[in-house]
Amino acid sequence: FDAKALGKLRSVTVGALPDMLTFTP
């Protein structure tokens, strides 16, 4: 999502039951 306008940008497929995510520094 766009952090300013909060609009959805895109979805990508990952593995089963994504439990946690983080940006790299």
PDBML (XML) file of the C-alpha atoms, coordinates in Angstrom:
<?xml version="1.0" encoding="UTF-8" ?>
<PDBx:datablock datablockName="MODEL"
   xmlns:PDBx="http://pdbml.pdb.org/schema/pdbx-v50.xsd"
   xmlns:xsi="http://www.w3.org/2001/XMLSchema-instance"
   xsi:schemaLocation="http://pdbml.pdb.org/schema/pdbx-v50.xsd pdbx-v50.xsd">
   <PDBx:atom_siteCategory>
      <PDBx:atom_site id="1">
         <PDBx:B_iso_or_equiv>0.00</PDBx:B_iso_or_equiv>
         <PDBx:Cartn_x>0.000</PDBx:Cartn_x>
         <PDBx:Cartn_y>0.000</PDBx:Cartn_y>
         <PDBx:Cartn_z>0.000</PDBx:Cartn_z>
         <PDBx:auth_asym_id>A</PDBx:auth_asym_id>
         <PDBx:auth_atom_id>CA</PDBx:auth_atom_id>
         <PDBx:auth_comp_id>PHE</PDBx:auth_comp_id>
         <PDBx:auth_seq_id>1</PDBx:auth_seq_id>
         <PDBx:group_PDB>ATOM</PDBx:group_PDB>
         <PDBx:label_alt_id xsi:nil="true" />
         <PDBx:label_asym_id>A</PDBx:label_asym_id>
         <PDBx:label_atom_id>CA</PDBx:label_atom_id>
         <PDBx:label_comp_id>PHE</PDBx:label_comp_id>
         <PDBx:label_entity_id>1</PDBx:label_entity_id>
         <PDBx:label_seq_id>1</PDBx:label_seq_id>
         <PDBx:occupancy>1.00</PDBx:occupancy>
         <PDBx:pdbx_PDB_model_num>1</PDBx:pdbx_PDB_model_num>
         <PDBx:type_symbol>C</PDBx:type_symbol>
      </PDBx:atom_site>
      <PDBx:atom_site id="2">
         <PDBx:B_iso_or_equiv>0.00</PDBx:B_iso_or_equiv>
         <PDBx:Cartn_x>1.012</PDBx:Cartn_x>
         <PDBx:Cartn_y>3.616</PDBx:Cartn_y>
         <PDBx:Cartn_z>-0.461</PDBx:Cartn_z>
         <PDBx:auth_asym_id>A</PDBx:auth_asym_id>
         <PDBx:auth_atom_id>CA</PDBx:auth_atom_id>
         <PDBx:auth_comp_id>ASP</PDBx:auth_comp_id>
         <PDBx:auth_seq_id>2</PDBx:auth_seq_id>
         <PDBx:group_PDB>ATOM</PDBx:group_PDB>
         <PDBx:label_alt_id xsi:nil="true" />
         <PDBx:label_asym_id>A</PDBx:label_asym_id>
         <PDBx:label_atom_id>CA</PDBx:label_atom_id>
         <PDBx:label_comp_id>ASP</PDBx:label_comp_id>
         <PDBx:label_entity_id>1</PDBx:label_entity_id>
         <PDBx:label_seq_id>2</PDBx:label_seq_id>
         <PDBx:occupancy>1.00</PDBx:occupancy>
         <PDBx:pdbx_PDB_model_num>1</PDBx:pdbx_PDB_model_num>
         <PDBx:type_symbol>C</PDBx:type_symbol>
      </PDBx:atom_site>
      <PDBx:atom_site id="3">
         <PDBx:B_iso_or_equiv>0.00</PDBx:B_iso_or_equiv>
         <PDBx:Cartn_x>1.842</PDBx:Cartn_x>
         <PDBx:Cartn_y>4.989</PDBx:Cartn_y>
         <PDBx:Cartn_z>2.994</PDBx:Cartn_z>
         <PDBx:auth_asym_id>A</PDBx:auth_asym_id>
         <PDBx:auth_atom_id>CA</PDBx:auth_atom_id>
         <PDBx:auth_comp_id>ALA</PDBx:auth_comp_id>
         <PDBx:auth_seq_id>3</PDBx:auth_seq_id>
         <PDBx:group_PDB>ATOM</PDBx:group_PDB>
         <PDBx:label_alt_id xsi:nil="true" />
         <PDBx:label_asym_id>A</PDBx:label_asym_id>
         <PDBx:label_atom_id>CA</PDBx:label_atom_id>
         <PDBx:label_comp_id>ALA</PDBx:label_comp_id>
         <PDBx:label_entity_id>1</PDBx:label_entity_id>
         <PDBx:label_seq_id>3</PDBx:label_seq_id>
         <PDBx:occupancy>1.00</PDBx:occupancy>
         <PDBx:pdbx_PDB_model_num>1</PDBx:pdbx_PDB_model_num>
         <PDBx:type_symbol>C</PDBx:type_symbol>
      </PDBx:atom_site>
      <PDBx:atom_site id="4">
         <PDBx:B_iso_or_equiv>0.00</PDBx:B_iso_or_equiv>
         <PDBx:Cartn_x>0.584</PDBx:Cartn_x>
         <PDBx:Cartn_y>8.480</PDBx:Cartn_y>
         <PDBx:Cartn_z>2.167</PDBx:Cartn_z>
         <PDBx:auth_asym_id>A</PDBx:auth_asym_id>
         <PDBx:auth_atom_id>CA</PDBx:auth_atom_id>
         <PDBx:auth_comp_id>LYS</PDBx:auth_comp_id>
         <PDBx:auth_seq_id>4</PDBx:auth_seq_id>
         <PDBx:group_PDB>ATOM</PDBx:group_PDB>
         <PDBx:label_alt_id xsi:nil="true" />
         <PDBx:label_asym_id>A</PDBx:label_asym_id>
         <PDBx:label_atom_id>CA</PDBx:label_atom_id>
         <PDBx:label_comp_id>LYS</PDBx:label_comp_id>
         <PDBx:label_entity_id>1</PDBx:label_entity_id>
         <PDBx:label_seq_id>4</PDBx:label_seq_id>
         <PDBx:occupancy>1.00</PDBx:occupancy>
         <PDBx:pdbx_PDB_model_num>1</PDBx:pdbx_PDB_model_num>
         <PDBx:type_symbol>C</PDBx:type_symbol>
      </PDBx:atom_site>
      <PDBx:atom_site id="5">
         <PDBx:B_iso_or_equiv>0.00</PDBx:B_iso_or_equiv>
         <PDBx:Cartn_x>-2.701</PDBx:Cartn_x>
         <PDBx:Cartn_y>7.886</PDBx:Cartn_y>
         <PDBx:Cartn_z>0.342</PDBx:Cartn_z>
         <PDBx:auth_asym_id>A</PDBx:auth_asym_id>
         <PDBx:auth_atom_id>CA</PDBx:auth_atom_id>
         <PDBx:auth_comp_id>ALA</PDBx:auth_comp_id>
         <PDBx:auth_seq_id>5</PDBx:auth_seq_id>
         <PDBx:group_PDB>ATOM</PDBx:group_PDB>
         <PDBx:label_alt_id xsi:nil="true" />
         <PDBx:label_asym_id>A</PDBx:label_asym_id>
         <PDBx:label_atom_id>CA</PDBx:label_atom_id>
         <PDBx:label_comp_id>ALA</PDBx:label_comp_id>
         <PDBx:label_entity_id>1</PDBx:label_entity_id>
         <PDBx:label_seq_id>5</PDBx:label_seq_id>
         <PDBx:occupancy>1.00</PDBx:occupancy>
         <PDBx:pdbx_PDB_model_num>1</PDBx:pdbx_PDB_model_num>
         <PDBx:type_symbol>C</PDBx:type_symbol>
      </PDBx:atom_site>
      <PDBx:atom_site id="6">
         <PDBx:B_iso_or_equiv>0.00</PDBx:B_iso_or_equiv>
         <PDBx:Cartn_x>-3.197</PDBx:Cartn_x>
         <PDBx:Cartn_y>4.346</PDBx:Cartn_y>
         <PDBx:Cartn_z>1.744</PDBx:Cartn_z>
         <PDBx:auth_asym_id>A</PDBx:auth_asym_id>
         <PDBx:auth_atom_id>CA</PDBx:auth_atom_id>
         <PDBx:auth_comp_id>LEU</PDBx:auth_comp_id>
         <PDBx:auth_seq_id>6</PDBx:auth_seq_id>
         <PDBx:group_PDB>ATOM</PDBx:group_PDB>
         <PDBx:label_alt_id xsi:nil="true" />
         <PDBx:label_asym_id>A</PDBx:label_asym_id>
         <PDBx:label_atom_id>CA</PDBx:label_atom_id>
         <PDBx:label_comp_id>LEU</PDBx:label_comp_id>
         <PDBx:label_entity_id>1</PDBx:label_entity_id>
         <PDBx:label_seq_id>6</PDBx:label_seq_id>
         <PDBx:occupancy>1.00</PDBx:occupancy>
         <PDBx:pdbx_PDB_model_num>1</PDBx:pdbx_PDB_model_num>
         <PDBx:type_symbol>C</PDBx:type_symbol>
      </PDBx:atom_site>
      <PDBx:atom_site id="7">
         <PDBx:B_iso_or_equiv>0.00</PDBx:B_iso_or_equiv>
         <PDBx:Cartn_x>-4.140</PDBx:Cartn_x>
         <PDBx:Cartn_y>3.043</PDBx:Cartn_y>
         <PDBx:Cartn_z>-1.693</PDBx:Cartn_z>
         <PDBx:auth_asym_id>A</PDBx:auth_asym_id>
         <PDBx:auth_atom_id>CA</PDBx:auth_atom_id>
         <PDBx:auth_comp_id>GLY</PDBx:auth_comp_id>
         <PDBx:auth_seq_id>7</PDBx:auth_seq_id>
         <PDBx:group_PDB>ATOM</PDBx:group_PDB>
         <PDBx:label_alt_id xsi:nil="true" />
         <PDBx:label_asym_id>A</PDBx:label_asym_id>
         <PDBx:label_atom_id>CA</PDBx:label_atom_id>
         <PDBx:label_comp_id>GLY</PDBx:label_comp_id>
         <PDBx:label_entity_id>1</PDBx:label_entity_id>
         <PDBx:label_seq_id>7</PDBx:label_seq_id>
         <PDBx:occupancy>1.00</PDBx:occupancy>
         <PDBx:pdbx_PDB_model_num>1</PDBx:pdbx_PDB_model_num>
         <PDBx:type_symbol>C</PDBx:type_symbol>
      </PDBx:atom_site>
      <PDBx:atom_site id="8">
         <PDBx:B_iso_or_equiv>0.00</PDBx:B_iso_or_equiv>
         <PDBx:Cartn_x>-3.416</PDBx:Cartn_x>
         <PDBx:Cartn_y>-0.546</PDBx:Cartn_y>
         <PDBx:Cartn_z>-2.704</PDBx:Cartn_z>
         <PDBx:auth_asym_id>A</PDBx:auth_asym_id>
         <PDBx:auth_atom_id>CA</PDBx:auth_atom_id>
         <PDBx:auth_comp_id>LYS</PDBx:auth_comp_id>
         <PDBx:auth_seq_id>8</PDBx:auth_seq_id>
         <PDBx:group_PDB>ATOM</PDBx:group_PDB>
         <PDBx:label_alt_id xsi:nil="true" />
         <PDBx:label_asym_id>A</PDBx:label_asym_id>
         <PDBx:label_atom_id>CA</PDBx:label_atom_id>
         <PDBx:label_comp_id>LYS</PDBx:label_comp_id>
         <PDBx:label_entity_id>1</PDBx:label_entity_id>
         <PDBx:label_seq_id>8</PDBx:label_seq_id>
         <PDBx:occupancy>1.00</PDBx:occupancy>
         <PDBx:pdbx_PDB_model_num>1</PDBx:pdbx_PDB_model_num>
         <PDBx:type_symbol>C</PDBx:type_symbol>
      </PDBx:atom_site>
      <PDBx:atom_site id="9">
         <PDBx:B_iso_or_equiv>0.00</PDBx:B_iso_or_equiv>
         <PDBx:Cartn_x>-0.477</PDBx:Cartn_x>
         <PDBx:Cartn_y>-0.863</PDBx:Cartn_y>
         <PDBx:Cartn_z>-5.094</PDBx:Cartn_z>
         <PDBx:auth_asym_id>A</PDBx:auth_asym_id>
         <PDBx:auth_atom_id>CA</PDBx:auth_atom_id>
         <PDBx:auth_comp_id>LEU</PDBx:auth_comp_id>
         <PDBx:auth_seq_id>9</PDBx:auth_seq_id>
         <PDBx:group_PDB>ATOM</PDBx:group_PDB>
         <PDBx:label_alt_id xsi:nil="true" />
         <PDBx:label_asym_id>A</PDBx:label_asym_id>
         <PDBx:label_atom_id>CA</PDBx:label_atom_id>
         <PDBx:label_comp_id>LEU</PDBx:label_comp_id>
         <PDBx:label_entity_id>1</PDBx:label_entity_id>
         <PDBx:label_seq_id>9</PDBx:label_seq_id>
         <PDBx:occupancy>1.00</PDBx:occupancy>
         <PDBx:pdbx_PDB_model_num>1</PDBx:pdbx_PDB_model_num>
         <PDBx:type_symbol>C</PDBx:type_symbol>
      </PDBx:atom_site>
      <PDBx:atom_site id="10">
         <PDBx:B_iso_or_equiv>0.00</PDBx:B_iso_or_equiv>
         <PDBx:Cartn_x>0.091</PDBx:Cartn_x>
         <PDBx:Cartn_y>-4.546</PDBx:Cartn_y>
         <PDBx:Cartn_z>-5.797</PDBx:Cartn_z>
         <PDBx:auth_asym_id>A</PDBx:auth_asym_id>
         <PDBx:auth_atom_id>CA</PDBx:auth_atom_id>
         <PDBx:auth_comp_id>ARG</PDBx:auth_comp_id>
         <PDBx:auth_seq_id>10</PDBx:auth_seq_id>
         <PDBx:group_PDB>ATOM</PDBx:group_PDB>
         <PDBx:label_alt_id xsi:nil="true" />
         <PDBx:label_asym_id>A</PDBx:label_asym_id>
         <PDBx:label_atom_id>CA</PDBx:label_atom_id>
         <PDBx:label_comp_id>ARG</PDBx:label_comp_id>
         <PDBx:label_entity_id>1</PDBx:label_entity_id>
         <PDBx:label_seq_id>10</PDBx:label_seq_id>
         <PDBx:occupancy>1.00</PDBx:occupancy>
         <PDBx:pdbx_PDB_model_num>1</PDBx:pdbx_PDB_model_num>
         <PDBx:type_symbol>C</PDBx:type_symbol>
      </PDBx:atom_site>
      <PDBx:atom_site id="11">
         <PDBx:B_iso_or_equiv>0.00</PDBx:B_iso_or_equiv>
         <PDBx:Cartn_x>0.029</PDBx:Cartn_x>
         <PDBx:Cartn_y>-8.062</PDBx:Cartn_y>
         <PDBx:Cartn_z>-4.356</PDBx:Cartn_z>
         <PDBx:auth_asym_id>A</PDBx:auth_asym_id>
         <PDBx:auth_atom_id>CA</PDBx:auth_atom_id>
         <PDBx:auth_comp_id>SER</PDBx:auth_comp_id>
         <PDBx:auth_seq_id>11</PDBx:auth_seq_id>
         <PDBx:group_PDB>ATOM</PDBx:group_PDB>
         <PDBx:label_alt_id xsi:nil="true" />
         <PDBx:label_asym_id>A</PDBx:label_asym_id>
         <PDBx:label_atom_id>CA</PDBx:label_atom_id>
         <PDBx:label_comp_id>SER</PDBx:label_comp_id>
         <PDBx:label_entity_id>1</PDBx:label_entity_id>
         <PDBx:label_seq_id>11</PDBx:label_seq_id>
         <PDBx:occupancy>1.00</PDBx:occupancy>
         <PDBx:pdbx_PDB_model_num>1</PDBx:pdbx_PDB_model_num>
         <PDBx:type_symbol>C</PDBx:type_symbol>
      </PDBx:atom_site>
      <PDBx:atom_site id="12">
         <PDBx:B_iso_or_equiv>0.00</PDBx:B_iso_or_equiv>
         <PDBx:Cartn_x>2.640</PDBx:Cartn_x>
         <PDBx:Cartn_y>-10.770</PDBx:Cartn_y>
         <PDBx:Cartn_z>-4.860</PDBx:Cartn_z>
         <PDBx:auth_asym_id>A</PDBx:auth_asym_id>
         <PDBx:auth_atom_id>CA</PDBx:auth_atom_id>
         <PDBx:auth_comp_id>VAL</PDBx:auth_comp_id>
         <PDBx:auth_seq_id>12</PDBx:auth_seq_id>
         <PDBx:group_PDB>ATOM</PDBx:group_PDB>
         <PDBx:label_alt_id xsi:nil="true" />
         <PDBx:label_asym_id>A</PDBx:label_asym_id>
         <PDBx:label_atom_id>CA</PDBx:label_atom_id>
         <PDBx:label_comp_id>VAL</PDBx:label_comp_id>
         <PDBx:label_entity_id>1</PDBx:label_entity_id>
         <PDBx:label_seq_id>12</PDBx:label_seq_id>
         <PDBx:occupancy>1.00</PDBx:occupancy>
         <PDBx:pdbx_PDB_model_num>1</PDBx:pdbx_PDB_model_num>
         <PDBx:type_symbol>C</PDBx:type_symbol>
      </PDBx:atom_site>
      <PDBx:atom_site id="13">
         <PDBx:B_iso_or_equiv>0.00</PDBx:B_iso_or_equiv>
         <PDBx:Cartn_x>2.435</PDBx:Cartn_x>
         <PDBx:Cartn_y>-14.479</PDBx:Cartn_y>
         <PDBx:Cartn_z>-4.057</PDBx:Cartn_z>
         <PDBx:auth_asym_id>A</PDBx:auth_asym_id>
         <PDBx:auth_atom_id>CA</PDBx:auth_atom_id>
         <PDBx:auth_comp_id>THR</PDBx:auth_comp_id>
         <PDBx:auth_seq_id>13</PDBx:auth_seq_id>
         <PDBx:group_PDB>ATOM</PDBx:group_PDB>
         <PDBx:label_alt_id xsi:nil="true" />
         <PDBx:label_asym_id>A</PDBx:label_asym_id>
         <PDBx:label_atom_id>CA</PDBx:label_atom_id>
         <PDBx:label_comp_id>THR</PDBx:label_comp_id>
         <PDBx:label_entity_id>1</PDBx:label_entity_id>
         <PDBx:label_seq_id>13</PDBx:label_seq_id>
         <PDBx:occupancy>1.00</PDBx:occupancy>
         <PDBx:pdbx_PDB_model_num>1</PDBx:pdbx_PDB_model_num>
         <PDBx:type_symbol>C</PDBx:type_symbol>
      </PDBx:atom_site>
      <PDBx:atom_site id="14">
         <PDBx:B_iso_or_equiv>0.00</PDBx:B_iso_or_equiv>
         <PDBx:Cartn_x>4.597</PDBx:Cartn_x>
         <PDBx:Cartn_y>-15.961</PDBx:Cartn_y>
         <PDBx:Cartn_z>-1.298</PDBx:Cartn_z>
         <PDBx:auth_asym_id>A</PDBx:auth_asym_id>
         <PDBx:auth_atom_id>CA</PDBx:auth_atom_id>
         <PDBx:auth_comp_id>VAL</PDBx:auth_comp_id>
         <PDBx:auth_seq_id>14</PDBx:auth_seq_id>
         <PDBx:group_PDB>ATOM</PDBx:group_PDB>
         <PDBx:label_alt_id xsi:nil="true" />
         <PDBx:label_asym_id>A</PDBx:label_asym_id>
         <PDBx:label_atom_id>CA</PDBx:label_atom_id>
         <PDBx:label_comp_id>VAL</PDBx:label_comp_id>
         <PDBx:label_entity_id>1</PDBx:label_entity_id>
         <PDBx:label_seq_id>14</PDBx:label_seq_id>
         <PDBx:occupancy>1.00</PDBx:occupancy>
         <PDBx:pdbx_PDB_model_num>1</PDBx:pdbx_PDB_model_num>
         <PDBx:type_symbol>C</PDBx:type_symbol>
      </PDBx:atom_site>
      <PDBx:atom_site id="15">
         <PDBx:B_iso_or_equiv>0.00</PDBx:B_iso_or_equiv>
         <PDBx:Cartn_x>4.659</PDBx:Cartn_x>
         <PDBx:Cartn_y>-19.233</PDBx:Cartn_y>
         <PDBx:Cartn_z>0.638</PDBx:Cartn_z>
         <PDBx:auth_asym_id>A</PDBx:auth_asym_id>
         <PDBx:auth_atom_id>CA</PDBx:auth_atom_id>
         <PDBx:auth_comp_id>GLY</PDBx:auth_comp_id>
         <PDBx:auth_seq_id>15</PDBx:auth_seq_id>
         <PDBx:group_PDB>ATOM</PDBx:group_PDB>
         <PDBx:label_alt_id xsi:nil="true" />
         <PDBx:label_asym_id>A</PDBx:label_asym_id>
         <PDBx:label_atom_id>CA</PDBx:label_atom_id>
         <PDBx:label_comp_id>GLY</PDBx:label_comp_id>
         <PDBx:label_entity_id>1</PDBx:label_entity_id>
         <PDBx:label_seq_id>15</PDBx:label_seq_id>
         <PDBx:occupancy>1.00</PDBx:occupancy>
         <PDBx:pdbx_PDB_model_num>1</PDBx:pdbx_PDB_model_num>
         <PDBx:type_symbol>C</PDBx:type_symbol>
      </PDBx:atom_site>
      <PDBx:atom_site id="16">
         <PDBx:B_iso_or_equiv>0.00</PDBx:B_iso_or_equiv>
         <PDBx:Cartn_x>2.036</PDBx:Cartn_x>
         <PDBx:Cartn_y>-20.883</PDBx:Cartn_y>
         <PDBx:Cartn_z>2.816</PDBx:Cartn_z>
         <PDBx:auth_asym_id>A</PDBx:auth_asym_id>
         <PDBx:auth_atom_id>CA</PDBx:auth_atom_id>
         <PDBx:auth_comp_id>ALA</PDBx:auth_comp_id>
         <PDBx:auth_seq_id>16</PDBx:auth_seq_id>
         <PDBx:group_PDB>ATOM</PDBx:group_PDB>
         <PDBx:label_alt_id xsi:nil="true" />
         <PDBx:label_asym_id>A</PDBx:label_asym_id>
         <PDBx:label_atom_id>CA</PDBx:label_atom_id>
         <PDBx:label_comp_id>ALA</PDBx:label_comp_id>
         <PDBx:label_entity_id>1</PDBx:label_entity_id>
         <PDBx:label_seq_id>16</PDBx:label_seq_id>
         <PDBx:occupancy>1.00</PDBx:occupancy>
         <PDBx:pdbx_PDB_model_num>1</PDBx:pdbx_PDB_model_num>
         <PDBx:type_symbol>C</PDBx:type_symbol>
      </PDBx:atom_site>
      <PDBx:atom_site id="17">
         <PDBx:B_iso_or_equiv>0.00</PDBx:B_iso_or_equiv>
         <PDBx:Cartn_x>0.930</PDBx:Cartn_x>
         <PDBx:Cartn_y>-19.060</PDBx:Cartn_y>
         <PDBx:Cartn_z>5.967</PDBx:Cartn_z>
         <PDBx:auth_asym_id>A</PDBx:auth_asym_id>
         <PDBx:auth_atom_id>CA</PDBx:auth_atom_id>
         <PDBx:auth_comp_id>LEU</PDBx:auth_comp_id>
         <PDBx:auth_seq_id>17</PDBx:auth_seq_id>
         <PDBx:group_PDB>ATOM</PDBx:group_PDB>
         <PDBx:label_alt_id xsi:nil="true" />
         <PDBx:label_asym_id>A</PDBx:label_asym_id>
         <PDBx:label_atom_id>CA</PDBx:label_atom_id>
         <PDBx:label_comp_id>LEU</PDBx:label_comp_id>
         <PDBx:label_entity_id>1</PDBx:label_entity_id>
         <PDBx:label_seq_id>17</PDBx:label_seq_id>
         <PDBx:occupancy>1.00</PDBx:occupancy>
         <PDBx:pdbx_PDB_model_num>1</PDBx:pdbx_PDB_model_num>
         <PDBx:type_symbol>C</PDBx:type_symbol>
      </PDBx:atom_site>
      <PDBx:atom_site id="18">
         <PDBx:B_iso_or_equiv>0.00</PDBx:B_iso_or_equiv>
         <PDBx:Cartn_x>3.116</PDBx:Cartn_x>
         <PDBx:Cartn_y>-15.940</PDBx:Cartn_y>
         <PDBx:Cartn_z>5.837</PDBx:Cartn_z>
         <PDBx:auth_asym_id>A</PDBx:auth_asym_id>
         <PDBx:auth_atom_id>CA</PDBx:auth_atom_id>
         <PDBx:auth_comp_id>PRO</PDBx:auth_comp_id>
         <PDBx:auth_seq_id>18</PDBx:auth_seq_id>
         <PDBx:group_PDB>ATOM</PDBx:group_PDB>
         <PDBx:label_alt_id xsi:nil="true" />
         <PDBx:label_asym_id>A</PDBx:label_asym_id>
         <PDBx:label_atom_id>CA</PDBx:label_atom_id>
         <PDBx:label_comp_id>PRO</PDBx:label_comp_id>
         <PDBx:label_entity_id>1</PDBx:label_entity_id>
         <PDBx:label_seq_id>18</PDBx:label_seq_id>
         <PDBx:occupancy>1.00</PDBx:occupancy>
         <PDBx:pdbx_PDB_model_num>1</PDBx:pdbx_PDB_model_num>
         <PDBx:type_symbol>C</PDBx:type_symbol>
      </PDBx:atom_site>
      <PDBx:atom_site id="19">
         <PDBx:B_iso_or_equiv>0.00</PDBx:B_iso_or_equiv>
         <PDBx:Cartn_x>3.384</PDBx:Cartn_x>
         <PDBx:Cartn_y>-15.287</PDBx:Cartn_y>
         <PDBx:Cartn_z>9.559</PDBx:Cartn_z>
         <PDBx:auth_asym_id>A</PDBx:auth_asym_id>
         <PDBx:auth_atom_id>CA</PDBx:auth_atom_id>
         <PDBx:auth_comp_id>ASP</PDBx:auth_comp_id>
         <PDBx:auth_seq_id>19</PDBx:auth_seq_id>
         <PDBx:group_PDB>ATOM</PDBx:group_PDB>
         <PDBx:label_alt_id xsi:nil="true" />
         <PDBx:label_asym_id>A</PDBx:label_asym_id>
         <PDBx:label_atom_id>CA</PDBx:label_atom_id>
         <PDBx:label_comp_id>ASP</PDBx:label_comp_id>
         <PDBx:label_entity_id>1</PDBx:label_entity_id>
         <PDBx:label_seq_id>19</PDBx:label_seq_id>
         <PDBx:occupancy>1.00</PDBx:occupancy>
         <PDBx:pdbx_PDB_model_num>1</PDBx:pdbx_PDB_model_num>
         <PDBx:type_symbol>C</PDBx:type_symbol>
      </PDBx:atom_site>
      <PDBx:atom_site id="20">
         <PDBx:B_iso_or_equiv>0.00</PDBx:B_iso_or_equiv>
         <PDBx:Cartn_x>5.758</PDBx:Cartn_x>
         <PDBx:Cartn_y>-12.321</PDBx:Cartn_y>
         <PDBx:Cartn_z>9.775</PDBx:Cartn_z>
         <PDBx:auth_asym_id>A</PDBx:auth_asym_id>
         <PDBx:auth_atom_id>CA</PDBx:auth_atom_id>
         <PDBx:auth_comp_id>MET</PDBx:auth_comp_id>
         <PDBx:auth_seq_id>20</PDBx:auth_seq_id>
         <PDBx:group_PDB>ATOM</PDBx:group_PDB>
         <PDBx:label_alt_id xsi:nil="true" />
         <PDBx:label_asym_id>A</PDBx:label_asym_id>
         <PDBx:label_atom_id>CA</PDBx:label_atom_id>
         <PDBx:label_comp_id>MET</PDBx:label_comp_id>
         <PDBx:label_entity_id>1</PDBx:label_entity_id>
         <PDBx:label_seq_id>20</PDBx:label_seq_id>
         <PDBx:occupancy>1.00</PDBx:occupancy>
         <PDBx:pdbx_PDB_model_num>1</PDBx:pdbx_PDB_model_num>
         <PDBx:type_symbol>C</PDBx:type_symbol>
      </PDBx:atom_site>
      <PDBx:atom_site id="21">
         <PDBx:B_iso_or_equiv>0.00</PDBx:B_iso_or_equiv>
         <PDBx:Cartn_x>7.401</PDBx:Cartn_x>
         <PDBx:Cartn_y>-9.901</PDBx:Cartn_y>
         <PDBx:Cartn_z>7.395</PDBx:Cartn_z>
         <PDBx:auth_asym_id>A</PDBx:auth_asym_id>
         <PDBx:auth_atom_id>CA</PDBx:auth_atom_id>
         <PDBx:auth_comp_id>LEU</PDBx:auth_comp_id>
         <PDBx:auth_seq_id>21</PDBx:auth_seq_id>
         <PDBx:group_PDB>ATOM</PDBx:group_PDB>
         <PDBx:label_alt_id xsi:nil="true" />
         <PDBx:label_asym_id>A</PDBx:label_asym_id>
         <PDBx:label_atom_id>CA</PDBx:label_atom_id>
         <PDBx:label_comp_id>LEU</PDBx:label_comp_id>
         <PDBx:label_entity_id>1</PDBx:label_entity_id>
         <PDBx:label_seq_id>21</PDBx:label_seq_id>
         <PDBx:occupancy>1.00</PDBx:occupancy>
         <PDBx:pdbx_PDB_model_num>1</PDBx:pdbx_PDB_model_num>
         <PDBx:type_symbol>C</PDBx:type_symbol>
      </PDBx:atom_site>
      <PDBx:atom_site id="22">
         <PDBx:B_iso_or_equiv>0.00</PDBx:B_iso_or_equiv>
         <PDBx:Cartn_x>9.990</PDBx:Cartn_x>
         <PDBx:Cartn_y>-7.152</PDBx:Cartn_y>
         <PDBx:Cartn_z>7.638</PDBx:Cartn_z>
         <PDBx:auth_asym_id>A</PDBx:auth_asym_id>
         <PDBx:auth_atom_id>CA</PDBx:auth_atom_id>
         <PDBx:auth_comp_id>THR</PDBx:auth_comp_id>
         <PDBx:auth_seq_id>22</PDBx:auth_seq_id>
         <PDBx:group_PDB>ATOM</PDBx:group_PDB>
         <PDBx:label_alt_id xsi:nil="true" />
         <PDBx:label_asym_id>A</PDBx:label_asym_id>
         <PDBx:label_atom_id>CA</PDBx:label_atom_id>
         <PDBx:label_comp_id>THR</PDBx:label_comp_id>
         <PDBx:label_entity_id>1</PDBx:label_entity_id>
         <PDBx:label_seq_id>22</PDBx:label_seq_id>
         <PDBx:occupancy>1.00</PDBx:occupancy>
         <PDBx:pdbx_PDB_model_num>1</PDBx:pdbx_PDB_model_num>
         <PDBx:type_symbol>C</PDBx:type_symbol>
      </PDBx:atom_site>
      <PDBx:atom_site id="23">
         <PDBx:B_iso_or_equiv>0.00</PDBx:B_iso_or_equiv>
         <PDBx:Cartn_x>11.817</PDBx:Cartn_x>
         <PDBx:Cartn_y>-4.695</PDBx:Cartn_y>
         <PDBx:Cartn_z>5.410</PDBx:Cartn_z>
         <PDBx:auth_asym_id>A</PDBx:auth_asym_id>
         <PDBx:auth_atom_id>CA</PDBx:auth_atom_id>
         <PDBx:auth_comp_id>PHE</PDBx:auth_comp_id>
         <PDBx:auth_seq_id>23</PDBx:auth_seq_id>
         <PDBx:group_PDB>ATOM</PDBx:group_PDB>
         <PDBx:label_alt_id xsi:nil="true" />
         <PDBx:label_asym_id>A</PDBx:label_asym_id>
         <PDBx:label_atom_id>CA</PDBx:label_atom_id>
         <PDBx:label_comp_id>PHE</PDBx:label_comp_id>
         <PDBx:label_entity_id>1</PDBx:label_entity_id>
         <PDBx:label_seq_id>23</PDBx:label_seq_id>
         <PDBx:occupancy>1.00</PDBx:occupancy>
         <PDBx:pdbx_PDB_model_num>1</PDBx:pdbx_PDB_model_num>
         <PDBx:type_symbol>C</PDBx:type_symbol>
      </PDBx:atom_site>
      <PDBx:atom_site id="24">
         <PDBx:B_iso_or_equiv>0.00</PDBx:B_iso_or_equiv>
         <PDBx:Cartn_x>15.592</PDBx:Cartn_x>
         <PDBx:Cartn_y>-4.915</PDBx:Cartn_y>
         <PDBx:Cartn_z>5.300</PDBx:Cartn_z>
         <PDBx:auth_asym_id>A</PDBx:auth_asym_id>
         <PDBx:auth_atom_id>CA</PDBx:auth_atom_id>
         <PDBx:auth_comp_id>THR</PDBx:auth_comp_id>
         <PDBx:auth_seq_id>24</PDBx:auth_seq_id>
         <PDBx:group_PDB>ATOM</PDBx:group_PDB>
         <PDBx:label_alt_id xsi:nil="true" />
         <PDBx:label_asym_id>A</PDBx:label_asym_id>
         <PDBx:label_atom_id>CA</PDBx:label_atom_id>
         <PDBx:label_comp_id>THR</PDBx:label_comp_id>
         <PDBx:label_entity_id>1</PDBx:label_entity_id>
         <PDBx:label_seq_id>24</PDBx:label_seq_id>
         <PDBx:occupancy>1.00</PDBx:occupancy>
         <PDBx:pdbx_PDB_model_num>1</PDBx:pdbx_PDB_model_num>
         <PDBx:type_symbol>C</PDBx:type_symbol>
      </PDBx:atom_site>
      <PDBx:atom_site id="25">
         <PDBx:B_iso_or_equiv>0.00</PDBx:B_iso_or_equiv>
         <PDBx:Cartn_x>17.306</PDBx:Cartn_x>
         <PDBx:Cartn_y>-1.835</PDBx:Cartn_y>
         <PDBx:Cartn_z>6.819</PDBx:Cartn_z>
         <PDBx:auth_asym_id>A</PDBx:auth_asym_id>
         <PDBx:auth_atom_id>CA</PDBx:auth_atom_id>
         <PDBx:auth_comp_id>PRO</PDBx:auth_comp_id>
         <PDBx:auth_seq_id>25</PDBx:auth_seq_id>
         <PDBx:group_PDB>ATOM</PDBx:group_PDB>
         <PDBx:label_alt_id xsi:nil="true" />
         <PDBx:label_asym_id>A</PDBx:label_asym_id>
         <PDBx:label_atom_id>CA</PDBx:label_atom_id>
         <PDBx:label_comp_id>PRO</PDBx:label_comp_id>
         <PDBx:label_entity_id>1</PDBx:label_entity_id>
         <PDBx:label_seq_id>25</PDBx:label_seq_id>
         <PDBx:occupancy>1.00</PDBx:occupancy>
         <PDBx:pdbx_PDB_model_num>1</PDBx:pdbx_PDB_model_num>
         <PDBx:type_symbol>C</PDBx:type_symbol>
      </PDBx:atom_site>
   </PDBx:atom_siteCategory>
</PDBx:datablock>
